[in-house]
Amino acid sequence: MDRFRELTTFLAVAEEQAFNAAARRLNLSPSVVTRLVNELETRIGARLFTRTTRSVVLTEAGERLQADAARILDDLAQAEAVAAGAHQVPRGILRVTGPVMFGQRHVMPIVRDYLDTYPDVSVTALFLDRIVHLVDEAIDVALRIGRLEESSLYAKHVATVRRVAVASPGYLEHYGTPQSPSDLTEHTIINTSHLHGSQEWTFVGSGRPASVRFSPRLNVNTIQSCIDGALAGWGITRVLSYQVADDLKQGRLVEVLKDWDTREIPVQLVSPDGPKAAAKTRAFVDMASQKLKAEAQRLAAL
């Protein structure tokens, strides 16, 4: 029990970044919070916080323990929830992750519908353009775009997307439309270092692979900046189809080299527990898969 209190207290201090705020949150005295953290530091033999008169900051050891402690406490909560019937009725906190733009545009509407349907569940959504380790970061469901590397995860295919090269109608009218990847060397390229740091785009169409190297006039680290540049008529960029599906439908952007961009990239809902997951997770996966499959054609921008 003392170890449980120590971890709970440590997490409260880490999240509040203050001992007094953690004490108020836990309904404990500041001296008890300080004692519990000191006992934890003594037991593991490492300092967990750097303390000043103005701030409380996690040390490197503290950062490592924070992730593990959150997972341990979540596992305990899950065990208690199972005994209380959480595997039959969705309840508790659901943690969801996915890429930033996909999450904002396509996952958040599902989250809101899910919360309306299941009033005993709350959701924490973490949208990042990096692969989040589901177990280490206590994530229940992830939306992944691309092939899976973790063989132990359960995946449910919901859609496909493609890479698309796009430009505005005005740009193409002024500078012409490329007919093959090699033509791109004569055009203004807006590149994202996040996806194409090598400054090379590889196309595969009709069984014919082709790569083109270029020197982009504009190199940025966000997809939205690339799209905005293309919408402004400044050049050609290459993104995922779902990111410009509405712009293509409304004619604000035009896909070029479509016959050279035919590879399908899977979109999958991923969870660590699969059919053994809590009801909150199974319910979200069922709802999200149904809604995303209904959007599959638009996501692929076909």
C-alpha atoms as a PDB file:
ATOM      1  CA  MET A   1       0.000   0.000   0.000  1.00  0.00           C
ATOM      2  CA  ASP A   2       2.881   2.400   0.815  1.00  0.00           C
ATOM      3  CA  ARG A   3       4.361   1.854  -2.638  1.00  0.00           C
ATOM      4  CA  PHE A   4       0.985   2.590  -4.208  1.00  0.00           C
ATOM      5  CA  ARG A   5       0.765   5.833  -2.211  1.00  0.00           C
ATOM      6  CA  GLU A   6       4.325   6.734  -3.145  1.00  0.00           C
ATOM      7  CA  LEU A   7       3.690   6.281  -6.867  1.00  0.00           C
ATOM      8  CA  THR A   8       0.368   8.103  -6.729  1.00  0.00           C
ATOM      9  CA  THR A   9       1.966  10.987  -4.848  1.00  0.00           C
ATOM     10  CA  PHE A  10       4.968  11.086  -7.181  1.00  0.00           C
ATOM     11  CA  LEU A  11       2.692  11.267 -10.246  1.00  0.00           C
ATOM     12  CA  ALA A  12       0.624  14.051  -8.684  1.00  0.00           C
ATOM     13  CA  VAL A  13       3.757  16.136  -8.013  1.00  0.00           C
ATOM     14  CA  ALA A  14       5.061  15.433 -11.533  1.00  0.00           C
ATOM     15  CA  GLU A  15       1.786  16.485 -13.147  1.00  0.00           C
ATOM     16  CA  GLU A  16       1.173  19.513 -10.921  1.00  0.00           C
ATOM     17  CA  GLN A  17       4.882  20.512 -10.923  1.00  0.00           C
ATOM     18  CA  ALA A  18       4.459  21.580  -7.312  1.00  0.00           C
ATOM     19  CA  PHE A  19       4.318  19.820  -3.944  1.00  0.00           C
ATOM     20  CA  ASN A  20       1.628  22.095  -2.481  1.00  0.00           C
ATOM     21  CA  ALA A  21      -0.665  21.674  -5.509  1.00  0.00           C
ATOM     22  CA  ALA A  22      -0.187  17.916  -5.349  1.00  0.00           C
ATOM     23  CA  ALA A  23      -1.052  17.951  -1.651  1.00  0.00           C
ATOM     24  CA  ARG A  24      -4.312  19.806  -2.348  1.00  0.00           C
ATOM     25  CA  ARG A  25      -5.158  17.404  -5.163  1.00  0.00           C
ATOM     26  CA  LEU A  26      -4.583  14.350  -2.960  1.00  0.00           C
ATOM     27  CA  ASN A  27      -6.108  15.926   0.161  1.00  0.00           C
ATOM     28  CA  LEU A  28      -2.854  15.400   2.040  1.00  0.00           C
ATOM     29  CA  SER A  29      -0.634  17.775   3.966  1.00  0.00           C
ATOM     30  CA  PRO A  30       2.466  19.113   2.144  1.00  0.00           C
ATOM     31  CA  SER A  31       4.682  17.434   4.736  1.00  0.00           C
ATOM     32  CA  VAL A  32       3.157  14.019   3.966  1.00  0.00           C
ATOM     33  CA  VAL A  33       3.638  14.539   0.215  1.00  0.00           C
ATOM     34  CA  THR A  34       7.276  15.534   0.793  1.00  0.00           C
ATOM     35  CA  ARG A  35       7.841  12.517   3.051  1.00  0.00           C
ATOM     36  CA  LEU A  36       6.355  10.052   0.551  1.00  0.00           C
ATOM     37  CA  VAL A  37       8.470  11.422  -2.312  1.00  0.00           C
ATOM     38  CA  ASN A  38      11.602  11.390  -0.141  1.00  0.00           C
ATOM     39  CA  GLU A  39      10.931   7.776   0.867  1.00  0.00           C
ATOM     40  CA  LEU A  40      10.497   6.796  -2.791  1.00  0.00           C
ATOM     41  CA  GLU A  41      13.751   8.523  -3.759  1.00  0.00           C
ATOM     42  CA  THR A  42      15.584   6.816  -0.891  1.00  0.00           C
ATOM     43  CA  ARG A  43      14.215   3.401  -1.789  1.00  0.00           C
ATOM     44  CA  ILE A  44      15.151   3.575  -5.489  1.00  0.00           C
ATOM     45  CA  GLY A  45      18.396   5.454  -4.846  1.00  0.00           C
ATOM     46  CA  ALA A  46      17.835   8.308  -7.292  1.00  0.00           C
ATOM     47  CA  ARG A  47      16.630  11.893  -7.123  1.00  0.00           C
ATOM     48  CA  LEU A  48      13.344  12.279  -8.999  1.00  0.00           C
ATOM     49  CA  PHE A  49      12.892  16.047  -8.888  1.00  0.00           C
ATOM     50  CA  THR A  50      15.109  19.095  -9.113  1.00  0.00           C
ATOM     51  CA  ARG A  51      13.641  21.493  -6.574  1.00  0.00           C
ATOM     52  CA  THR A  52      14.040  25.280  -6.514  1.00  0.00           C
ATOM     53  CA  THR A  53      12.104  27.984  -4.716  1.00  0.00           C
ATOM     54  CA  ARG A  54      10.079  28.563  -7.897  1.00  0.00           C
ATOM     55  CA  SER A  55       9.740  25.219  -9.625  1.00  0.00           C
ATOM     56  CA  VAL A  56       9.787  21.436  -9.369  1.00  0.00           C
ATOM     57  CA  VAL A  57      11.255  19.741 -12.438  1.00  0.00           C
ATOM     58  CA  LEU A  58      11.606  16.031 -13.177  1.00  0.00           C
ATOM     59  CA  THR A  59      15.102  14.626 -13.411  1.00  0.00           C
ATOM     60  CA  GLU A  60      15.982  12.091 -16.109  1.00  0.00           C
ATOM     61  CA  ALA A  61      15.269   9.285 -13.614  1.00  0.00           C
ATOM     62  CA  GLY A  62      11.987  10.968 -12.753  1.00  0.00           C
ATOM     63  CA  GLU A  63      10.931  11.120 -16.383  1.00  0.00           C
ATOM     64  CA  ARG A  64      11.569   7.394 -16.789  1.00  0.00           C
ATOM     65  CA  LEU A  65       9.660   6.573 -13.618  1.00  0.00           C
ATOM     66  CA  GLN A  66       6.720   8.778 -14.629  1.00  0.00           C
ATOM     67  CA  ALA A  67       5.958   6.659 -17.707  1.00  0.00           C
ATOM     68  CA  ASP A  68       6.343   3.395 -15.777  1.00  0.00           C
ATOM     69  CA  ALA A  69       4.311   4.618 -12.811  1.00  0.00           C
ATOM     70  CA  ALA A  70       1.443   5.763 -15.032  1.00  0.00           C
ATOM     71  CA  ARG A  71       1.383   2.350 -16.709  1.00  0.00           C
ATOM     72  CA  ILE A  72       1.513   0.465 -13.367  1.00  0.00           C
ATOM     73  CA  LEU A  73      -1.312   2.493 -11.854  1.00  0.00           C
ATOM     74  CA  ASP A  74      -3.332   2.170 -15.041  1.00  0.00           C
ATOM     75  CA  ASP A  75      -2.860  -1.620 -14.967  1.00  0.00           C
ATOM     76  CA  LEU A  76      -4.107  -1.655 -11.386  1.00  0.00           C
ATOM     77  CA  ALA A  77      -7.105   0.483 -12.333  1.00  0.00           C
ATOM     78  CA  GLN A  78      -7.829  -1.875 -15.224  1.00  0.00           C
ATOM     79  CA  ALA A  79      -7.684  -4.880 -12.895  1.00  0.00           C
ATOM     80  CA  GLU A  80     -10.126  -3.223 -10.522  1.00  0.00           C
ATOM     81  CA  ALA A  81     -12.336  -2.211 -13.444  1.00  0.00           C
ATOM     82  CA  VAL A  82     -12.498  -5.808 -14.660  1.00  0.00           C
ATOM     83  CA  ALA A  83     -13.722  -6.904 -11.245  1.00  0.00           C
ATOM     84  CA  ALA A  84     -16.319  -4.122 -11.352  1.00  0.00           C
ATOM     85  CA  GLY A  85     -17.595  -5.212 -14.739  1.00  0.00           C
ATOM     86  CA  ALA A  86     -15.764  -2.733 -17.005  1.00  0.00           C
ATOM     87  CA  HIS A  87     -15.324  -5.487 -19.566  1.00  0.00           C
ATOM     88  CA  GLN A  88     -19.088  -5.564 -19.968  1.00  0.00           C
ATOM     89  CA  VAL A  89     -19.934  -1.829 -19.775  1.00  0.00           C
ATOM     90  CA  PRO A  90     -17.715   0.952 -21.202  1.00  0.00           C
ATOM     91  CA  ARG A  91     -16.417   3.084 -18.352  1.00  0.00           C
ATOM     92  CA  GLY A  92     -13.208   4.722 -17.211  1.00  0.00           C
ATOM     93  CA  ILE A  93     -10.613   6.739 -19.122  1.00  0.00           C
ATOM     94  CA  LEU A  94      -9.879   5.867 -22.762  1.00  0.00           C
ATOM     95  CA  ARG A  95      -6.495   6.983 -24.089  1.00  0.00           C
ATOM     96  CA  VAL A  96      -6.334   7.472 -27.853  1.00  0.00           C
ATOM     97  CA  THR A  97      -3.478   8.533 -30.116  1.00  0.00           C
ATOM     98  CA  GLY A  98      -2.924   9.263 -33.808  1.00  0.00           C
ATOM     99  CA  PRO A  99      -1.195  11.637 -36.245  1.00  0.00           C
ATOM    100  CA  VAL A 100      -1.938  15.313 -35.628  1.00  0.00           C
ATOM    101  CA  MET A 101      -3.871  16.192 -38.781  1.00  0.00           C
ATOM    102  CA  PHE A 102      -5.734  12.885 -39.042  1.00  0.00           C
ATOM    103  CA  GLY A 103      -6.583  13.081 -35.368  1.00  0.00           C
ATOM    104  CA  GLN A 104      -7.923  16.611 -35.548  1.00  0.00           C
ATOM    105  CA  ARG A 105      -9.941  16.053 -38.716  1.00  0.00           C
ATOM    106  CA  HIS A 106     -11.172  12.480 -38.451  1.00  0.00           C
ATOM    107  CA  VAL A 107     -10.643  11.060 -34.962  1.00  0.00           C
ATOM    108  CA  MET A 108     -12.015  13.966 -32.891  1.00  0.00           C
ATOM    109  CA  PRO A 109     -15.517  13.850 -34.448  1.00  0.00           C
ATOM    110  CA  ILE A 110     -15.627  10.136 -33.568  1.00  0.00           C
ATOM    111  CA  VAL A 111     -14.424  10.878 -30.040  1.00  0.00           C
ATOM    112  CA  ARG A 112     -17.244  13.366 -29.522  1.00  0.00           C
ATOM    113  CA  ASP A 113     -19.852  10.881 -30.785  1.00  0.00           C
ATOM    114  CA  TYR A 114     -18.314   8.194 -28.575  1.00  0.00           C
ATOM    115  CA  LEU A 115     -18.528  10.401 -25.484  1.00  0.00           C
ATOM    116  CA  ASP A 116     -22.149  11.225 -26.278  1.00  0.00           C
ATOM    117  CA  THR A 117     -22.921   7.512 -26.551  1.00  0.00           C
ATOM    118  CA  TYR A 118     -21.016   6.356 -23.462  1.00  0.00           C
ATOM    119  CA  PRO A 119     -21.448   8.843 -20.590  1.00  0.00           C
ATOM    120  CA  ASP A 120     -19.352   6.793 -18.147  1.00  0.00           C
ATOM    121  CA  VAL A 121     -16.192   7.163 -20.247  1.00  0.00           C
ATOM    122  CA  SER A 122     -13.824  10.108 -20.556  1.00  0.00           C
ATOM    123  CA  VAL A 123     -11.174  10.386 -23.278  1.00  0.00           C
ATOM    124  CA  THR A 124      -7.596  11.603 -23.320  1.00  0.00           C
ATOM    125  CA  ALA A 125      -6.444  12.161 -26.922  1.00  0.00           C
ATOM    126  CA  LEU A 126      -2.757  12.456 -27.760  1.00  0.00           C
ATOM    127  CA  PHE A 127      -2.138  13.553 -31.369  1.00  0.00           C
ATOM    128  CA  LEU A 128       1.525  13.441 -32.376  1.00  0.00           C
ATOM    129  CA  ASP A 129       3.411  12.942 -35.620  1.00  0.00           C
ATOM    130  CA  ARG A 130       5.523  10.187 -34.109  1.00  0.00           C
ATOM    131  CA  ILE A 131       4.972   6.562 -33.242  1.00  0.00           C
ATOM    132  CA  VAL A 132       3.684   6.322 -29.676  1.00  0.00           C
ATOM    133  CA  HIS A 133       4.592   3.118 -27.803  1.00  0.00           C
ATOM    134  CA  LEU A 134       1.201   1.887 -26.684  1.00  0.00           C
ATOM    135  CA  VAL A 135       2.240  -0.162 -23.672  1.00  0.00           C
ATOM    136  CA  ASP A 136       4.917   2.194 -22.337  1.00  0.00           C
ATOM    137  CA  GLU A 137       2.650   5.228 -22.654  1.00  0.00           C
ATOM    138  CA  ALA A 138      -0.536   3.467 -21.466  1.00  0.00           C
ATOM    139  CA  ILE A 139      -2.451   4.000 -24.724  1.00  0.00           C
ATOM    140  CA  ASP A 140      -5.639   2.014 -25.362  1.00  0.00           C
ATOM    141  CA  VAL A 141      -6.136   2.672 -29.098  1.00  0.00           C
ATOM    142  CA  ALA A 142      -3.899   4.126 -31.809  1.00  0.00           C
ATOM    143  CA  LEU A 143      -4.717   5.208 -35.335  1.00  0.00           C
ATOM    144  CA  ARG A 144      -1.728   4.197 -37.448  1.00  0.00           C
ATOM    145  CA  ILE A 145      -1.026   5.070 -41.083  1.00  0.00           C
ATOM    146  CA  GLY A 146       1.427   2.679 -42.725  1.00  0.00           C
ATOM    147  CA  ARG A 147       2.721  -0.841 -42.191  1.00  0.00           C
ATOM    148  CA  LEU A 148       2.932  -2.047 -38.610  1.00  0.00           C
ATOM    149  CA  GLU A 149       6.280  -2.965 -37.124  1.00  0.00           C
ATOM    150  CA  GLU A 150       5.053  -4.247 -33.741  1.00  0.00           C
ATOM    151  CA  SER A 151       3.891  -7.809 -34.393  1.00  0.00           C
ATOM    152  CA  SER A 152       2.335  -8.171 -30.934  1.00  0.00           C
ATOM    153  CA  LEU A 153      -0.348  -5.541 -31.549  1.00  0.00           C
ATOM    154  CA  TYR A 154      -3.891  -6.188 -32.743  1.00  0.00           C
ATOM    155  CA  ALA A 155      -4.804  -4.209 -35.862  1.00  0.00           C
ATOM    156  CA  LYS A 156      -8.084  -3.556 -37.644  1.00  0.00           C
ATOM    157  CA  HIS A 157      -7.858  -2.239 -41.208  1.00  0.00           C
ATOM    158  CA  VAL A 158     -10.292   0.637 -41.798  1.00  0.00           C
ATOM    159  CA  ALA A 159      -9.136   2.508 -44.928  1.00  0.00           C
ATOM    160  CA  THR A 160      -6.270   3.256 -47.273  1.00  0.00           C
ATOM    161  CA  VAL A 161      -4.600   6.486 -48.308  1.00  0.00           C
ATOM    162  CA  ARG A 162      -2.125   7.410 -51.053  1.00  0.00           C
ATOM    163  CA  ARG A 163       0.670   9.876 -51.540  1.00  0.00           C
ATOM    164  CA  VAL A 164      -0.469  12.606 -53.906  1.00  0.00           C
ATOM    165  CA  ALA A 165       1.409  15.390 -55.673  1.00  0.00           C
ATOM    166  CA  VAL A 166      -0.779  18.483 -55.880  1.00  0.00           C
ATOM    167  CA  ALA A 167      -0.762  22.060 -57.086  1.00  0.00           C
ATOM    168  CA  SER A 168      -3.301  24.833 -57.525  1.00  0.00           C
ATOM    169  CA  PRO A 169      -5.120  25.284 -60.863  1.00  0.00           C
ATOM    170  CA  GLY A 170      -3.511  28.701 -61.175  1.00  0.00           C
ATOM    171  CA  TYR A 171       0.003  27.331 -60.780  1.00  0.00           C
ATOM    172  CA  LEU A 172      -0.575  24.633 -63.392  1.00  0.00           C
ATOM    173  CA  GLU A 173      -2.096  27.115 -65.815  1.00  0.00           C
ATOM    174  CA  HIS A 174       0.937  29.361 -65.494  1.00  0.00           C
ATOM    175  CA  TYR A 175       3.738  26.772 -65.371  1.00  0.00           C
ATOM    176  CA  GLY A 176       2.219  23.712 -67.046  1.00  0.00           C
ATOM    177  CA  THR A 177       1.373  20.243 -65.748  1.00  0.00           C
ATOM    178  CA  PRO A 178       4.178  17.686 -65.266  1.00  0.00           C
ATOM    179  CA  GLN A 179       3.612  14.511 -67.259  1.00  0.00           C
ATOM    180  CA  SER A 180       6.278  12.353 -65.606  1.00  0.00           C
ATOM    181  CA  PRO A 181       8.266  12.524 -62.360  1.00  0.00           C
ATOM    182  CA  SER A 182      11.339  13.804 -64.211  1.00  0.00           C
ATOM    183  CA  ASP A 183       9.354  16.918 -65.181  1.00  0.00           C
ATOM    184  CA  LEU A 184       9.309  17.984 -61.526  1.00  0.00           C
ATOM    185  CA  THR A 185      12.884  19.226 -61.807  1.00  0.00           C
ATOM    186  CA  GLU A 186      11.505  22.100 -63.899  1.00  0.00           C
ATOM    187  CA  HIS A 187       8.947  23.079 -61.243  1.00  0.00           C
ATOM    188  CA  THR A 188       8.927  24.871 -57.902  1.00  0.00           C
ATOM    189  CA  ILE A 189       8.803  22.229 -55.162  1.00  0.00           C
ATOM    190  CA  ILE A 190       7.460  22.709 -51.640  1.00  0.00           C
ATOM    191  CA  ASN A 191       8.956  19.927 -49.555  1.00  0.00           C
ATOM    192  CA  THR A 192       8.434  18.735 -46.014  1.00  0.00           C
ATOM    193  CA  SER A 193      11.537  17.594 -44.201  1.00  0.00           C
ATOM    194  CA  HIS A 194       9.296  15.527 -41.894  1.00  0.00           C
ATOM    195  CA  LEU A 195       8.378  13.078 -44.669  1.00  0.00           C
ATOM    196  CA  HIS A 196      10.933  13.588 -47.397  1.00  0.00           C
ATOM    197  CA  GLY A 197      14.176  14.659 -45.748  1.00  0.00           C
ATOM    198  CA  SER A 198      16.207  13.070 -48.561  1.00  0.00           C
ATOM    199  CA  GLN A 199      14.819  15.610 -51.063  1.00  0.00           C
ATOM    200  CA  GLU A 200      13.797  12.731 -53.277  1.00  0.00           C
ATOM    201  CA  TRP A 201      10.321  11.534 -54.197  1.00  0.00           C
ATOM    202  CA  THR A 202       9.769   7.957 -55.333  1.00  0.00           C
ATOM    203  CA  PHE A 203       6.743   7.119 -57.472  1.00  0.00           C
ATOM    204  CA  VAL A 204       5.353   3.724 -58.403  1.00  0.00           C
ATOM    205  CA  GLY A 205       2.673   3.460 -61.069  1.00  0.00           C
ATOM    206  CA  SER A 206       1.714   0.684 -63.461  1.00  0.00           C
ATOM    207  CA  GLY A 207       4.610  -1.321 -62.117  1.00  0.00           C
ATOM    208  CA  ARG A 208       7.109   1.370 -63.083  1.00  0.00           C
ATOM    209  CA  PRO A 209       9.134   2.816 -60.201  1.00  0.00           C
ATOM    210  CA  ALA A 210      10.678   6.227 -60.702  1.00  0.00           C
ATOM    211  CA  SER A 211      12.605   8.502 -58.353  1.00  0.00           C
ATOM    212  CA  VAL A 212      13.331  12.161 -58.803  1.00  0.00           C
ATOM    213  CA  ARG A 213      15.772  14.310 -56.843  1.00  0.00           C
ATOM    214  CA  PHE A 214      15.253  18.035 -56.530  1.00  0.00           C
ATOM    215  CA  SER A 215      16.351  21.148 -54.679  1.00  0.00           C
ATOM    216  CA  PRO A 216      13.179  22.539 -53.076  1.00  0.00           C
ATOM    217  CA  ARG A 217      12.703  26.280 -53.091  1.00  0.00           C
ATOM    218  CA  LEU A 218      10.831  25.891 -49.802  1.00  0.00           C
ATOM    219  CA  ASN A 219      11.502  23.225 -47.184  1.00  0.00           C
ATOM    220  CA  VAL A 220       9.274  23.173 -44.069  1.00  0.00           C
ATOM    221  CA  ASN A 221       8.557  20.802 -41.197  1.00  0.00           C
ATOM    222  CA  THR A 222       4.744  20.877 -41.177  1.00  0.00           C
ATOM    223  CA  ILE A 223       2.317  19.375 -43.661  1.00  0.00           C
ATOM    224  CA  GLN A 224      -0.105  22.282 -43.340  1.00  0.00           C
ATOM    225  CA  SER A 225       2.589  24.731 -44.452  1.00  0.00           C
ATOM    226  CA  CYS A 226       3.141  22.653 -47.596  1.00  0.00           C
ATOM    227  CA  ILE A 227      -0.588  22.577 -48.320  1.00  0.00           C
ATOM    228  CA  ASP A 228      -0.934  26.317 -47.705  1.00  0.00           C
ATOM    229  CA  GLY A 229       1.913  26.980 -50.134  1.00  0.00           C
ATOM    230  CA  ALA A 230       0.268  24.867 -52.806  1.00  0.00           C
ATOM    231  CA  LEU A 231      -3.107  26.543 -52.224  1.00  0.00           C
ATOM    232  CA  ALA A 232      -1.417  29.919 -52.634  1.00  0.00           C
ATOM    233  CA  GLY A 233      -0.234  28.858 -56.099  1.00  0.00           C
ATOM    234  CA  TRP A 234       3.400  28.878 -55.110  1.00  0.00           C
ATOM    235  CA  GLY A 235       4.435  25.376 -56.178  1.00  0.00           C
ATOM    236  CA  ILE A 236       3.894  21.607 -56.153  1.00  0.00           C
ATOM    237  CA  THR A 237       3.909  19.587 -52.948  1.00  0.00           C
ATOM    238  CA  ARG A 238       3.375  15.937 -52.041  1.00  0.00           C
ATOM    239  CA  VAL A 239       1.257  14.843 -49.095  1.00  0.00           C
ATOM    240  CA  LEU A 240      -1.147  12.067 -48.094  1.00  0.00           C
ATOM    241  CA  SER A 241      -4.497  11.969 -49.841  1.00  0.00           C
ATOM    242  CA  TYR A 242      -6.623  12.485 -46.717  1.00  0.00           C
ATOM    243  CA  GLN A 243      -4.761  15.706 -45.975  1.00  0.00           C
ATOM    244  CA  VAL A 244      -6.039  17.364 -49.158  1.00  0.00           C
ATOM    245  CA  ALA A 245      -9.205  15.355 -49.844  1.00  0.00           C
ATOM    246  CA  ASP A 246     -11.523  18.352 -49.385  1.00  0.00           C
ATOM    247  CA  ASP A 247      -9.237  20.680 -51.371  1.00  0.00           C
ATOM    248  CA  LEU A 248      -9.225  18.213 -54.272  1.00  0.00           C
ATOM    249  CA  LYS A 249     -12.983  17.758 -54.108  1.00  0.00           C
ATOM    250  CA  GLN A 250     -13.593  21.517 -54.124  1.00  0.00           C
ATOM    251  CA  GLY A 251     -11.092  22.103 -56.932  1.00  0.00           C
ATOM    252  CA  ARG A 252      -8.756  24.243 -54.865  1.00  0.00           C
ATOM    253  CA  LEU A 253      -5.982  21.756 -55.650  1.00  0.00           C
ATOM    254  CA  VAL A 254      -5.385  19.412 -58.573  1.00  0.00           C
ATOM    255  CA  GLU A 255      -3.575  16.090 -58.387  1.00  0.00           C
ATOM    256  CA  VAL A 256      -0.696  15.690 -60.824  1.00  0.00           C
ATOM    257  CA  LEU A 257       1.117  12.504 -61.839  1.00  0.00           C
ATOM    258  CA  LYS A 258      -1.862  10.465 -60.648  1.00  0.00           C
ATOM    259  CA  ASP A 259      -0.881   7.464 -62.761  1.00  0.00           C
ATOM    260  CA  TRP A 260       2.476   7.474 -61.002  1.00  0.00           C
ATOM    261  CA  ASP A 261       1.063   7.468 -57.458  1.00  0.00           C
ATOM    262  CA  THR A 262      -0.954   4.281 -57.126  1.00  0.00           C
ATOM    263  CA  ARG A 263       0.449   2.633 -53.996  1.00  0.00           C
ATOM    264  CA  GLU A 264      -2.065   2.172 -51.198  1.00  0.00           C
ATOM    265  CA  ILE A 265      -1.039   2.879 -47.592  1.00  0.00           C
ATOM    266  CA  PRO A 266      -3.119   1.132 -44.895  1.00  0.00           C
ATOM    267  CA  VAL A 267      -4.962   3.004 -42.158  1.00  0.00           C
ATOM    268  CA  GLN A 268      -5.441   0.822 -39.087  1.00  0.00           C
ATOM    269  CA  LEU A 269      -6.854   0.955 -35.579  1.00  0.00           C
ATOM    270  CA  VAL A 270      -4.348  -0.681 -33.251  1.00  0.00           C
ATOM    271  CA  SER A 271      -4.616  -1.848 -29.654  1.00  0.00           C
ATOM    272  CA  PRO A 272      -2.406  -3.949 -27.376  1.00  0.00           C
ATOM    273  CA  ASP A 273      -5.195  -6.207 -26.081  1.00  0.00           C
ATOM    274  CA  GLY A 274      -7.449  -6.878 -29.076  1.00  0.00           C
ATOM    275  CA  PRO A 275     -10.529  -8.967 -28.193  1.00  0.00           C
ATOM    276  CA  LYS A 276      -9.438  -9.066 -24.533  1.00  0.00           C
ATOM    277  CA  ALA A 277      -9.545  -5.283 -24.251  1.00  0.00           C
ATOM    278  CA  ALA A 278     -11.867  -3.484 -21.865  1.00  0.00           C
ATOM    279  CA  ALA A 279     -15.358  -2.615 -23.070  1.00  0.00           C
ATOM    280  CA  LYS A 280     -14.398   1.053 -23.437  1.00  0.00           C
ATOM    281  CA  THR A 281     -11.715   0.085 -25.968  1.00  0.00           C
ATOM    282  CA  ARG A 282     -13.799  -2.422 -27.885  1.00  0.00           C
ATOM    283  CA  ALA A 283     -16.672   0.047 -28.146  1.00  0.00           C
ATOM    284  CA  PHE A 284     -14.409   2.782 -29.501  1.00  0.00           C
ATOM    285  CA  VAL A 285     -12.767   0.474 -32.040  1.00  0.00           C
ATOM    286  CA  ASP A 286     -16.175  -0.716 -33.255  1.00  0.00           C
ATOM    287  CA  MET A 287     -17.514   2.823 -33.625  1.00  0.00           C
ATOM    288  CA  ALA A 288     -14.341   4.251 -35.172  1.00  0.00           C
ATOM    289  CA  SER A 289     -13.947   1.408 -37.678  1.00  0.00           C
ATOM    290  CA  GLN A 290     -17.541   1.783 -38.833  1.00  0.00           C
ATOM    291  CA  LYS A 291     -17.252   5.555 -39.309  1.00  0.00           C
ATOM    292  CA  LEU A 292     -13.813   5.460 -40.936  1.00  0.00           C
ATOM    293  CA  LYS A 293     -14.804   2.697 -43.344  1.00  0.00           C
ATOM    294  CA  ALA A 294     -17.728   4.897 -44.406  1.00  0.00           C
ATOM    295  CA  GLU A 295     -15.192   7.642 -45.198  1.00  0.00           C
ATOM    296  CA  ALA A 296     -12.685   5.328 -46.885  1.00  0.00           C
ATOM    297  CA  GLN A 297     -13.222   6.575 -50.430  1.00  0.00           C
ATOM    298  CA  ARG A 298     -12.864  10.236 -49.417  1.00  0.00           C
ATOM    299  CA  LEU A 299      -9.744   9.510 -47.368  1.00  0.00           C
ATOM    300  CA  ALA A 300      -8.118   7.962 -50.411  1.00  0.00           C
ATOM    301  CA  ALA A 301      -9.247  10.985 -52.496  1.00  0.00           C
ATOM    302  CA  LEU A 302     -10.268   8.712 -55.343  1.00  0.00           C
END
